[in-house]
Amino acid sequence: MRPPTDCMLCPLCSGRTNIVLPSGDLSSGIAFVGEAPGESEDLQGRPFVGRSGKILDKMMAEEGLDRSRVIITNTVKCRPPKNRDPTKEEMAACRKFLDSELSQCRIVIGLGKSACRDILGYEGRMGEIANKRISVVIGGKETVFIPTYHPAACIYSKEARAGLRETIRAAREELEAGH
């Protein structure tokens, strides 16, 4: 299920250029979920193509995982004003689209606090849950959820870089194993 091109389920519709839909292999069973599109994503209509996307692409390439082999998406499909975090109401408006995207996944990787808040309801520090496999129900099906750091956090934090790299490596290994 995808949002209609004229989606008006929340106020984010008023400032968007494009609805940003998932990219990659929608049948891979592994998804990376960020919080929301930024300016570059809004302009191009593709997730993770700006600065954070370049960091994610570089780390994926270094770990031998091509982004075209997994699903890349966001909790909300339209850019929040001034790149603020999406609200609970905005995430709830897009949740049925996110659940549809993730319904066939065996592993969902939450990139950053907003994705973890939306999928887990978690409000604490990332360091306490990063790279721990947690069972969640998505679309009525039990799924492995791995919270990790957002690529933007990797700019300033060695801990975040190491954590995201570990998660990317685990995703590649799962993809290669074909569980």
N, C-alpha and C. Protein backbone atom coordinates (compact mmCIF):
# COMPACT_ATOMS: atom_id res chain seq x y z
N MET A 1 0.84 -1.17 0.00
CA MET A 1 0.00 0.00 0.00
C MET A 1 0.89 1.24 0.00
N ARG A 2 0.60 2.13 -0.92
CA ARG A 2 1.37 3.36 -1.01
C ARG A 2 0.44 4.55 -0.82
N PRO A 3 0.98 5.65 -0.32
CA PRO A 3 0.12 6.83 -0.19
C PRO A 3 -0.29 7.33 -1.57
N PRO A 4 -1.49 7.87 -1.68
CA PRO A 4 -1.88 8.45 -2.96
C PRO A 4 -1.03 9.68 -3.27
N THR A 5 -0.86 9.99 -4.53
CA THR A 5 -0.02 11.14 -4.91
C THR A 5 -0.55 12.46 -4.36
N ASP A 6 -1.84 12.48 -4.02
CA ASP A 6 -2.43 13.70 -3.43
C ASP A 6 -2.70 13.52 -1.93
N CYS A 7 -1.93 12.67 -1.27
CA CYS A 7 -2.13 12.36 0.15
C CYS A 7 -2.19 13.64 0.99
N MET A 8 -3.20 13.69 1.86
CA MET A 8 -3.37 14.83 2.76
C MET A 8 -3.72 14.35 4.16
N LEU A 9 -3.14 13.20 4.57
CA LEU A 9 -3.46 12.62 5.87
C LEU A 9 -2.89 13.40 7.05
N CYS A 10 -1.90 14.25 6.79
CA CYS A 10 -1.33 15.06 7.87
C CYS A 10 -0.84 16.38 7.29
N PRO A 11 -0.48 17.33 8.14
CA PRO A 11 -0.06 18.65 7.66
C PRO A 11 1.24 18.66 6.85
N LEU A 12 2.02 17.59 6.88
CA LEU A 12 3.27 17.58 6.11
C LEU A 12 3.03 17.73 4.61
N CYS A 13 1.84 17.39 4.16
CA CYS A 13 1.54 17.47 2.73
C CYS A 13 1.67 18.89 2.20
N SER A 14 1.46 19.88 3.05
CA SER A 14 1.45 21.26 2.58
C SER A 14 2.83 21.77 2.16
N GLY A 15 3.91 21.16 2.66
CA GLY A 15 5.23 21.65 2.33
C GLY A 15 6.06 20.74 1.44
N ARG A 16 5.50 19.64 1.02
CA ARG A 16 6.31 18.67 0.28
C ARG A 16 6.42 19.02 -1.21
N THR A 17 7.51 18.57 -1.79
CA THR A 17 7.67 18.58 -3.25
C THR A 17 7.27 17.22 -3.78
N ASN A 18 7.75 16.16 -3.12
CA ASN A 18 7.45 14.78 -3.51
C ASN A 18 7.14 13.94 -2.29
N ILE A 19 6.30 12.94 -2.47
CA ILE A 19 6.17 11.88 -1.48
C ILE A 19 7.37 10.96 -1.70
N VAL A 20 8.08 10.64 -0.63
CA VAL A 20 9.29 9.84 -0.74
C VAL A 20 8.95 8.38 -0.41
N LEU A 21 8.95 7.56 -1.44
CA LEU A 21 8.61 6.15 -1.31
C LEU A 21 9.87 5.32 -1.11
N PRO A 22 9.72 4.07 -0.69
CA PRO A 22 10.91 3.23 -0.47
C PRO A 22 11.67 2.97 -1.75
N SER A 23 12.96 2.68 -1.59
CA SER A 23 13.78 2.28 -2.73
C SER A 23 14.44 0.95 -2.40
N GLY A 24 15.02 0.33 -3.42
CA GLY A 24 15.73 -0.93 -3.22
C GLY A 24 14.87 -2.12 -3.60
N ASP A 25 15.27 -3.28 -3.07
CA ASP A 25 14.60 -4.55 -3.36
C ASP A 25 13.49 -4.78 -2.33
N LEU A 26 12.27 -4.52 -2.73
CA LEU A 26 11.14 -4.63 -1.81
C LEU A 26 10.84 -6.07 -1.40
N SER A 27 11.48 -7.04 -2.03
CA SER A 27 11.28 -8.44 -1.66
C SER A 27 12.47 -9.02 -0.89
N SER A 28 13.42 -8.19 -0.51
CA SER A 28 14.65 -8.68 0.13
C SER A 28 14.43 -9.24 1.53
N GLY A 29 13.40 -8.75 2.23
CA GLY A 29 13.17 -9.20 3.59
C GLY A 29 13.94 -8.42 4.63
N ILE A 30 14.74 -7.44 4.19
CA ILE A 30 15.52 -6.63 5.12
C ILE A 30 15.28 -5.16 4.78
N ALA A 31 14.91 -4.38 5.80
CA ALA A 31 14.62 -2.96 5.58
C ALA A 31 15.40 -2.09 6.55
N PHE A 32 15.85 -0.96 6.04
CA PHE A 32 16.46 0.11 6.83
C PHE A 32 15.44 1.24 6.87
N VAL A 33 15.06 1.68 8.08
CA VAL A 33 14.02 2.69 8.24
C VAL A 33 14.59 3.91 8.95
N GLY A 34 14.56 5.05 8.27
CA GLY A 34 14.96 6.31 8.87
C GLY A 34 13.75 7.07 9.37
N GLU A 35 13.96 8.32 9.79
CA GLU A 35 12.84 9.06 10.37
C GLU A 35 12.00 9.78 9.33
N ALA A 36 12.61 10.56 8.45
CA ALA A 36 11.84 11.40 7.53
C ALA A 36 12.74 11.88 6.41
N PRO A 37 12.15 12.22 5.27
CA PRO A 37 12.95 12.78 4.19
C PRO A 37 13.51 14.15 4.57
N GLY A 38 14.69 14.45 4.06
CA GLY A 38 15.27 15.78 4.18
C GLY A 38 15.05 16.52 2.87
N GLU A 39 15.75 17.63 2.72
CA GLU A 39 15.56 18.46 1.53
C GLU A 39 15.90 17.72 0.23
N SER A 40 17.04 17.04 0.18
CA SER A 40 17.43 16.31 -1.04
C SER A 40 16.44 15.22 -1.37
N GLU A 41 15.98 14.52 -0.34
CA GLU A 41 15.03 13.43 -0.54
C GLU A 41 13.70 13.97 -1.06
N ASP A 42 13.26 15.08 -0.50
CA ASP A 42 12.01 15.71 -0.93
C ASP A 42 12.10 16.14 -2.40
N LEU A 43 13.22 16.69 -2.79
CA LEU A 43 13.39 17.14 -4.17
C LEU A 43 13.47 15.97 -5.16
N GLN A 44 14.16 14.89 -4.76
CA GLN A 44 14.36 13.75 -5.67
C GLN A 44 13.28 12.67 -5.54
N GLY A 45 12.55 12.67 -4.42
CA GLY A 45 11.53 11.65 -4.22
C GLY A 45 12.09 10.28 -3.89
N ARG A 46 13.33 10.24 -3.37
CA ARG A 46 13.99 8.98 -2.99
C ARG A 46 14.58 9.11 -1.59
N PRO A 47 14.52 8.04 -0.79
CA PRO A 47 15.05 8.12 0.58
C PRO A 47 16.58 8.06 0.61
N PHE A 48 17.15 8.74 1.57
CA PHE A 48 18.59 8.70 1.87
C PHE A 48 19.46 8.99 0.64
N VAL A 49 19.25 10.15 0.04
CA VAL A 49 20.10 10.59 -1.08
C VAL A 49 20.91 11.83 -0.73
N GLY A 50 20.67 12.43 0.42
CA GLY A 50 21.40 13.61 0.86
C GLY A 50 22.66 13.22 1.63
N ARG A 51 23.07 14.08 2.53
CA ARG A 51 24.31 13.88 3.30
C ARG A 51 24.28 12.56 4.08
N SER A 52 23.18 12.31 4.79
CA SER A 52 23.07 11.05 5.55
C SER A 52 23.09 9.85 4.62
N GLY A 53 22.46 9.99 3.46
CA GLY A 53 22.46 8.91 2.47
C GLY A 53 23.85 8.58 1.96
N LYS A 54 24.65 9.61 1.77
CA LYS A 54 26.03 9.39 1.31
C LYS A 54 26.83 8.63 2.37
N ILE A 55 26.61 8.98 3.64
CA ILE A 55 27.28 8.26 4.73
C ILE A 55 26.82 6.81 4.75
N LEU A 56 25.52 6.60 4.65
CA LEU A 56 24.98 5.23 4.65
C LEU A 56 25.51 4.44 3.46
N ASP A 57 25.49 5.02 2.27
CA ASP A 57 26.00 4.35 1.06
C ASP A 57 27.46 3.95 1.23
N LYS A 58 28.28 4.88 1.76
CA LYS A 58 29.71 4.62 1.93
C LYS A 58 29.94 3.47 2.90
N MET A 59 29.22 3.50 4.02
CA MET A 59 29.38 2.42 5.01
C MET A 59 28.88 1.09 4.46
N MET A 60 27.78 1.12 3.73
CA MET A 60 27.27 -0.11 3.13
C MET A 60 28.29 -0.67 2.13
N ALA A 61 28.85 0.18 1.30
CA ALA A 61 29.84 -0.26 0.31
C ALA A 61 31.06 -0.86 1.02
N GLU A 62 31.51 -0.22 2.08
CA GLU A 62 32.67 -0.73 2.83
C GLU A 62 32.39 -2.09 3.46
N GLU A 63 31.12 -2.36 3.77
CA GLU A 63 30.74 -3.64 4.38
C GLU A 63 30.21 -4.64 3.35
N GLY A 64 30.28 -4.28 2.06
CA GLY A 64 29.90 -5.21 1.00
C GLY A 64 28.40 -5.39 0.83
N LEU A 65 27.61 -4.37 1.18
CA LEU A 65 26.17 -4.45 1.03
C LEU A 65 25.71 -3.33 0.09
N ASP A 66 25.21 -3.70 -1.06
CA ASP A 66 24.69 -2.72 -2.00
C ASP A 66 23.28 -2.33 -1.58
N ARG A 67 23.01 -1.04 -1.50
CA ARG A 67 21.70 -0.58 -1.02
C ARG A 67 20.55 -1.05 -1.89
N SER A 68 20.83 -1.41 -3.13
CA SER A 68 19.76 -1.89 -4.02
C SER A 68 19.26 -3.28 -3.61
N ARG A 69 19.98 -3.94 -2.70
CA ARG A 69 19.61 -5.30 -2.28
C ARG A 69 18.68 -5.32 -1.07
N VAL A 70 18.43 -4.14 -0.45
CA VAL A 70 17.57 -4.04 0.72
C VAL A 70 16.53 -2.94 0.49
N ILE A 71 15.57 -2.86 1.38
CA ILE A 71 14.59 -1.78 1.34
C ILE A 71 15.14 -0.61 2.15
N ILE A 72 15.02 0.58 1.61
CA ILE A 72 15.38 1.80 2.34
C ILE A 72 14.13 2.67 2.35
N THR A 73 13.69 3.07 3.56
CA THR A 73 12.47 3.87 3.67
C THR A 73 12.54 4.76 4.90
N ASN A 74 11.46 5.47 5.17
CA ASN A 74 11.35 6.35 6.33
C ASN A 74 10.01 6.14 7.03
N THR A 75 9.95 6.56 8.29
CA THR A 75 8.70 6.43 9.03
C THR A 75 7.60 7.31 8.44
N VAL A 76 7.97 8.50 7.95
CA VAL A 76 7.01 9.38 7.26
C VAL A 76 7.50 9.60 5.84
N LYS A 77 6.59 9.90 4.97
CA LYS A 77 6.89 9.96 3.54
C LYS A 77 7.05 11.39 3.01
N CYS A 78 6.81 12.39 3.86
CA CYS A 78 6.94 13.79 3.47
C CYS A 78 7.89 14.50 4.44
N ARG A 79 8.59 15.50 3.92
CA ARG A 79 9.59 16.22 4.72
C ARG A 79 8.94 17.14 5.75
N PRO A 80 9.32 16.98 7.03
CA PRO A 80 8.87 17.93 8.04
C PRO A 80 9.56 19.30 7.83
N PRO A 81 8.87 20.39 8.15
CA PRO A 81 9.46 21.72 7.98
C PRO A 81 10.77 21.85 8.77
N LYS A 82 11.74 22.48 8.15
CA LYS A 82 13.05 22.76 8.78
C LYS A 82 13.71 21.49 9.32
N ASN A 83 13.39 20.36 8.71
CA ASN A 83 13.98 19.07 9.09
C ASN A 83 13.77 18.71 10.56
N ARG A 84 12.69 19.19 11.16
CA ARG A 84 12.40 18.82 12.54
C ARG A 84 12.00 17.35 12.59
N ASP A 85 12.00 16.77 13.79
CA ASP A 85 11.54 15.39 13.95
C ASP A 85 10.05 15.31 13.61
N PRO A 86 9.62 14.22 13.01
CA PRO A 86 8.18 14.07 12.79
C PRO A 86 7.45 13.89 14.13
N THR A 87 6.23 14.38 14.18
CA THR A 87 5.43 14.24 15.40
C THR A 87 4.81 12.85 15.45
N LYS A 88 4.31 12.49 16.62
CA LYS A 88 3.62 11.21 16.77
C LYS A 88 2.42 11.13 15.83
N GLU A 89 1.71 12.24 15.67
CA GLU A 89 0.54 12.26 14.79
C GLU A 89 0.94 12.06 13.32
N GLU A 90 2.04 12.67 12.92
CA GLU A 90 2.52 12.51 11.53
C GLU A 90 2.97 11.08 11.29
N MET A 91 3.67 10.50 12.27
CA MET A 91 4.10 9.11 12.11
C MET A 91 2.89 8.18 12.09
N ALA A 92 1.89 8.47 12.90
CA ALA A 92 0.68 7.64 12.92
C ALA A 92 -0.05 7.71 11.58
N ALA A 93 -0.06 8.89 10.95
CA ALA A 93 -0.73 9.05 9.65
C ALA A 93 -0.07 8.19 8.58
N CYS A 94 1.23 8.00 8.66
CA CYS A 94 1.96 7.21 7.65
C CYS A 94 2.15 5.75 8.07
N ARG A 95 1.75 5.39 9.28
CA ARG A 95 2.06 4.06 9.80
C ARG A 95 1.52 2.93 8.94
N LYS A 96 0.33 3.08 8.37
CA LYS A 96 -0.21 1.99 7.55
C LYS A 96 0.65 1.77 6.30
N PHE A 97 1.25 2.83 5.78
CA PHE A 97 2.12 2.69 4.62
C PHE A 97 3.43 2.00 5.02
N LEU A 98 3.97 2.40 6.18
CA LEU A 98 5.19 1.78 6.69
C LEU A 98 4.95 0.30 6.98
N ASP A 99 3.86 -0.02 7.66
CA ASP A 99 3.56 -1.42 7.97
C ASP A 99 3.45 -2.24 6.68
N SER A 100 2.84 -1.67 5.66
CA SER A 100 2.72 -2.37 4.38
C SER A 100 4.09 -2.64 3.76
N GLU A 101 4.98 -1.64 3.83
CA GLU A 101 6.33 -1.80 3.29
C GLU A 101 7.12 -2.87 4.03
N LEU A 102 6.89 -2.99 5.34
CA LEU A 102 7.69 -3.87 6.19
C LEU A 102 7.03 -5.23 6.44
N SER A 103 5.83 -5.43 5.95
CA SER A 103 5.05 -6.62 6.31
C SER A 103 5.71 -7.94 5.91
N GLN A 104 6.53 -7.95 4.88
CA GLN A 104 7.19 -9.18 4.46
C GLN A 104 8.64 -9.28 4.93
N CYS A 105 9.06 -8.32 5.75
CA CYS A 105 10.45 -8.31 6.22
C CYS A 105 10.68 -9.27 7.36
N ARG A 106 11.84 -9.88 7.36
CA ARG A 106 12.23 -10.71 8.50
C ARG A 106 13.12 -9.91 9.45
N ILE A 107 13.75 -8.83 8.92
CA ILE A 107 14.58 -7.95 9.76
C ILE A 107 14.28 -6.50 9.37
N VAL A 108 14.01 -5.69 10.39
CA VAL A 108 13.82 -4.26 10.20
C VAL A 108 14.86 -3.55 11.05
N ILE A 109 15.60 -2.65 10.42
CA ILE A 109 16.65 -1.90 11.10
C ILE A 109 16.18 -0.46 11.26
N GLY A 110 16.09 -0.01 12.50
CA GLY A 110 15.66 1.36 12.79
C GLY A 110 16.87 2.26 12.87
N LEU A 111 16.93 3.24 11.97
CA LEU A 111 18.04 4.19 11.93
C LEU A 111 17.71 5.43 12.74
N GLY A 112 18.14 5.46 13.99
CA GLY A 112 17.96 6.63 14.83
C GLY A 112 16.74 6.60 15.73
N LYS A 113 16.68 7.63 16.57
CA LYS A 113 15.67 7.70 17.63
C LYS A 113 14.24 7.77 17.12
N SER A 114 13.99 8.54 16.07
CA SER A 114 12.60 8.67 15.61
C SER A 114 12.07 7.35 15.09
N ALA A 115 12.86 6.63 14.33
CA ALA A 115 12.43 5.33 13.82
C ALA A 115 12.18 4.37 14.98
N CYS A 116 13.04 4.41 15.98
CA CYS A 116 12.87 3.53 17.14
C CYS A 116 11.65 3.95 17.96
N ARG A 117 11.40 5.24 18.06
CA ARG A 117 10.21 5.71 18.77
C ARG A 117 8.95 5.25 18.05
N ASP A 118 8.94 5.35 16.72
CA ASP A 118 7.75 4.97 15.96
C ASP A 118 7.50 3.47 16.01
N ILE A 119 8.52 2.68 15.79
CA ILE A 119 8.34 1.23 15.69
C ILE A 119 8.29 0.55 17.06
N LEU A 120 9.10 1.02 18.00
CA LEU A 120 9.16 0.40 19.33
C LEU A 120 8.40 1.14 20.41
N GLY A 121 8.18 2.42 20.20
CA GLY A 121 7.64 3.26 21.27
C GLY A 121 8.73 3.62 22.27
N TYR A 122 9.99 3.47 21.89
CA TYR A 122 11.12 3.70 22.77
C TYR A 122 11.53 5.17 22.79
N GLU A 123 11.71 5.72 23.98
CA GLU A 123 12.05 7.14 24.13
C GLU A 123 13.43 7.35 24.77
N GLY A 124 14.13 6.29 25.11
CA GLY A 124 15.40 6.42 25.84
C GLY A 124 16.60 6.68 24.95
N ARG A 125 17.78 6.46 25.52
CA ARG A 125 19.04 6.68 24.81
C ARG A 125 19.31 5.53 23.84
N MET A 126 19.83 5.87 22.67
CA MET A 126 20.15 4.86 21.65
C MET A 126 21.19 3.88 22.15
N GLY A 127 22.16 4.36 22.89
CA GLY A 127 23.23 3.50 23.37
C GLY A 127 22.74 2.31 24.19
N GLU A 128 21.57 2.45 24.80
CA GLU A 128 21.04 1.38 25.64
C GLU A 128 20.40 0.25 24.83
N ILE A 129 19.99 0.54 23.59
CA ILE A 129 19.32 -0.50 22.79
C ILE A 129 20.00 -0.78 21.45
N ALA A 130 21.01 0.01 21.10
CA ALA A 130 21.64 -0.14 19.78
C ALA A 130 22.15 -1.55 19.54
N ASN A 131 21.79 -2.09 18.39
CA ASN A 131 22.24 -3.39 17.90
C ASN A 131 21.78 -4.58 18.73
N LYS A 132 20.72 -4.39 19.49
CA LYS A 132 20.11 -5.50 20.22
C LYS A 132 18.88 -5.95 19.44
N ARG A 133 18.80 -7.21 19.16
CA ARG A 133 17.64 -7.75 18.42
C ARG A 133 16.42 -7.79 19.33
N ILE A 134 15.36 -7.18 18.86
CA ILE A 134 14.13 -7.08 19.63
C ILE A 134 13.00 -7.61 18.76
N SER A 135 12.13 -8.38 19.34
CA SER A 135 10.99 -8.90 18.60
C SER A 135 9.86 -7.87 18.64
N VAL A 136 9.34 -7.52 17.45
CA VAL A 136 8.21 -6.60 17.34
C VAL A 136 7.16 -7.22 16.43
N VAL A 137 5.94 -6.73 16.52
CA VAL A 137 4.88 -7.18 15.63
C VAL A 137 4.63 -6.07 14.61
N ILE A 138 4.78 -6.41 13.35
CA ILE A 138 4.53 -5.47 12.25
C ILE A 138 3.56 -6.14 11.30
N GLY A 139 2.44 -5.49 11.08
CA GLY A 139 1.44 -6.07 10.19
C GLY A 139 0.94 -7.42 10.66
N GLY A 140 0.87 -7.61 11.99
CA GLY A 140 0.37 -8.85 12.55
C GLY A 140 1.38 -9.99 12.57
N LYS A 141 2.62 -9.72 12.17
CA LYS A 141 3.64 -10.76 12.09
C LYS A 141 4.84 -10.39 12.97
N GLU A 142 5.36 -11.38 13.69
CA GLU A 142 6.55 -11.15 14.51
C GLU A 142 7.76 -10.94 13.61
N THR A 143 8.50 -9.89 13.91
CA THR A 143 9.64 -9.48 13.09
C THR A 143 10.81 -9.11 14.00
N VAL A 144 12.03 -9.35 13.53
CA VAL A 144 13.22 -8.93 14.26
C VAL A 144 13.46 -7.46 13.97
N PHE A 145 13.60 -6.67 15.03
CA PHE A 145 13.89 -5.25 14.90
C PHE A 145 15.25 -4.99 15.52
N ILE A 146 16.12 -4.31 14.76
CA ILE A 146 17.45 -3.95 15.27
C ILE A 146 17.57 -2.43 15.27
N PRO A 147 17.52 -1.81 16.44
CA PRO A 147 17.72 -0.37 16.51
C PRO A 147 19.20 -0.04 16.38
N THR A 148 19.51 1.00 15.64
CA THR A 148 20.89 1.44 15.53
C THR A 148 20.93 2.94 15.30
N TYR A 149 22.11 3.46 15.16
CA TYR A 149 22.30 4.90 15.02
C TYR A 149 21.97 5.38 13.62
N HIS A 150 21.47 6.60 13.55
CA HIS A 150 21.21 7.25 12.27
C HIS A 150 22.56 7.62 11.65
N PRO A 151 22.68 7.55 10.33
CA PRO A 151 23.96 7.92 9.69
C PRO A 151 24.45 9.32 10.08
N ALA A 152 23.56 10.27 10.32
CA ALA A 152 23.98 11.62 10.71
C ALA A 152 24.73 11.61 12.04
N ALA A 153 24.40 10.68 12.93
CA ALA A 153 25.08 10.59 14.22
C ALA A 153 26.53 10.15 14.04
N CYS A 154 26.83 9.50 12.92
CA CYS A 154 28.17 8.98 12.66
C CYS A 154 29.17 10.09 12.34
N ILE A 155 28.69 11.25 12.02
CA ILE A 155 29.58 12.37 11.70
C ILE A 155 30.43 12.73 12.92
N TYR A 156 29.83 12.68 14.09
CA TYR A 156 30.51 13.15 15.30
C TYR A 156 30.82 12.06 16.32
N SER A 157 30.33 10.85 16.11
CA SER A 157 30.46 9.84 17.15
C SER A 157 31.08 8.54 16.62
N LYS A 158 32.20 8.15 17.23
CA LYS A 158 32.82 6.86 16.90
C LYS A 158 31.92 5.71 17.30
N GLU A 159 31.24 5.87 18.43
CA GLU A 159 30.32 4.82 18.92
C GLU A 159 29.20 4.60 17.90
N ALA A 160 28.66 5.69 17.38
CA ALA A 160 27.59 5.58 16.38
C ALA A 160 28.11 4.92 15.10
N ARG A 161 29.29 5.31 14.64
CA ARG A 161 29.89 4.70 13.44
C ARG A 161 30.07 3.21 13.61
N ALA A 162 30.63 2.82 14.75
CA ALA A 162 30.86 1.40 15.01
C ALA A 162 29.53 0.64 15.09
N GLY A 163 28.54 1.24 15.74
CA GLY A 163 27.24 0.59 15.87
C GLY A 163 26.54 0.41 14.54
N LEU A 164 26.52 1.45 13.72
CA LEU A 164 25.88 1.35 12.41
C LEU A 164 26.62 0.35 11.53
N ARG A 165 27.94 0.39 11.57
CA ARG A 165 28.74 -0.55 10.77
C ARG A 165 28.43 -2.00 11.18
N GLU A 166 28.30 -2.26 12.47
CA GLU A 166 27.98 -3.60 12.97
C GLU A 166 26.61 -4.06 12.44
N THR A 167 25.66 -3.15 12.45
CA THR A 167 24.32 -3.49 11.97
C THR A 167 24.32 -3.77 10.47
N ILE A 168 25.04 -2.96 9.71
CA ILE A 168 25.13 -3.17 8.25
C ILE A 168 25.76 -4.53 7.97
N ARG A 169 26.79 -4.86 8.71
CA ARG A 169 27.47 -6.15 8.53
C ARG A 169 26.50 -7.30 8.83
N ALA A 170 25.71 -7.17 9.91
CA ALA A 170 24.73 -8.21 10.25
C ALA A 170 23.67 -8.34 9.16
N ALA A 171 23.23 -7.21 8.61
CA ALA A 171 22.24 -7.25 7.52
C ALA A 171 22.81 -7.96 6.30
N ARG A 172 24.05 -7.66 5.96
CA ARG A 172 24.68 -8.32 4.81
C ARG A 172 24.77 -9.83 5.04
N GLU A 173 25.17 -10.23 6.25
CA GLU A 173 25.29 -11.64 6.56
C GLU A 173 23.94 -12.34 6.48
N GLU A 174 22.90 -11.70 6.99
CA GLU A 174 21.54 -12.26 6.91
C GLU A 174 21.09 -12.39 5.45
N LEU A 175 21.39 -11.39 4.66
CA LEU A 175 21.01 -11.41 3.24
C LEU A 175 21.74 -12.54 2.52
N GLU A 176 23.01 -12.70 2.79
CA GLU A 176 23.80 -13.76 2.16
C GLU A 176 23.34 -15.13 2.61
N ALA A 177 22.95 -15.25 3.87
CA ALA A 177 22.48 -16.55 4.39
C ALA A 177 21.10 -16.89 3.85
N GLY A 178 20.33 -15.87 3.47
CA GLY A 178 19.01 -16.08 2.89
C GLY A 178 18.01 -16.73 3.80
N HIS A 179 18.10 -16.45 5.10
CA HIS A 179 17.18 -17.06 6.09
C HIS A 179 15.77 -16.75 5.72
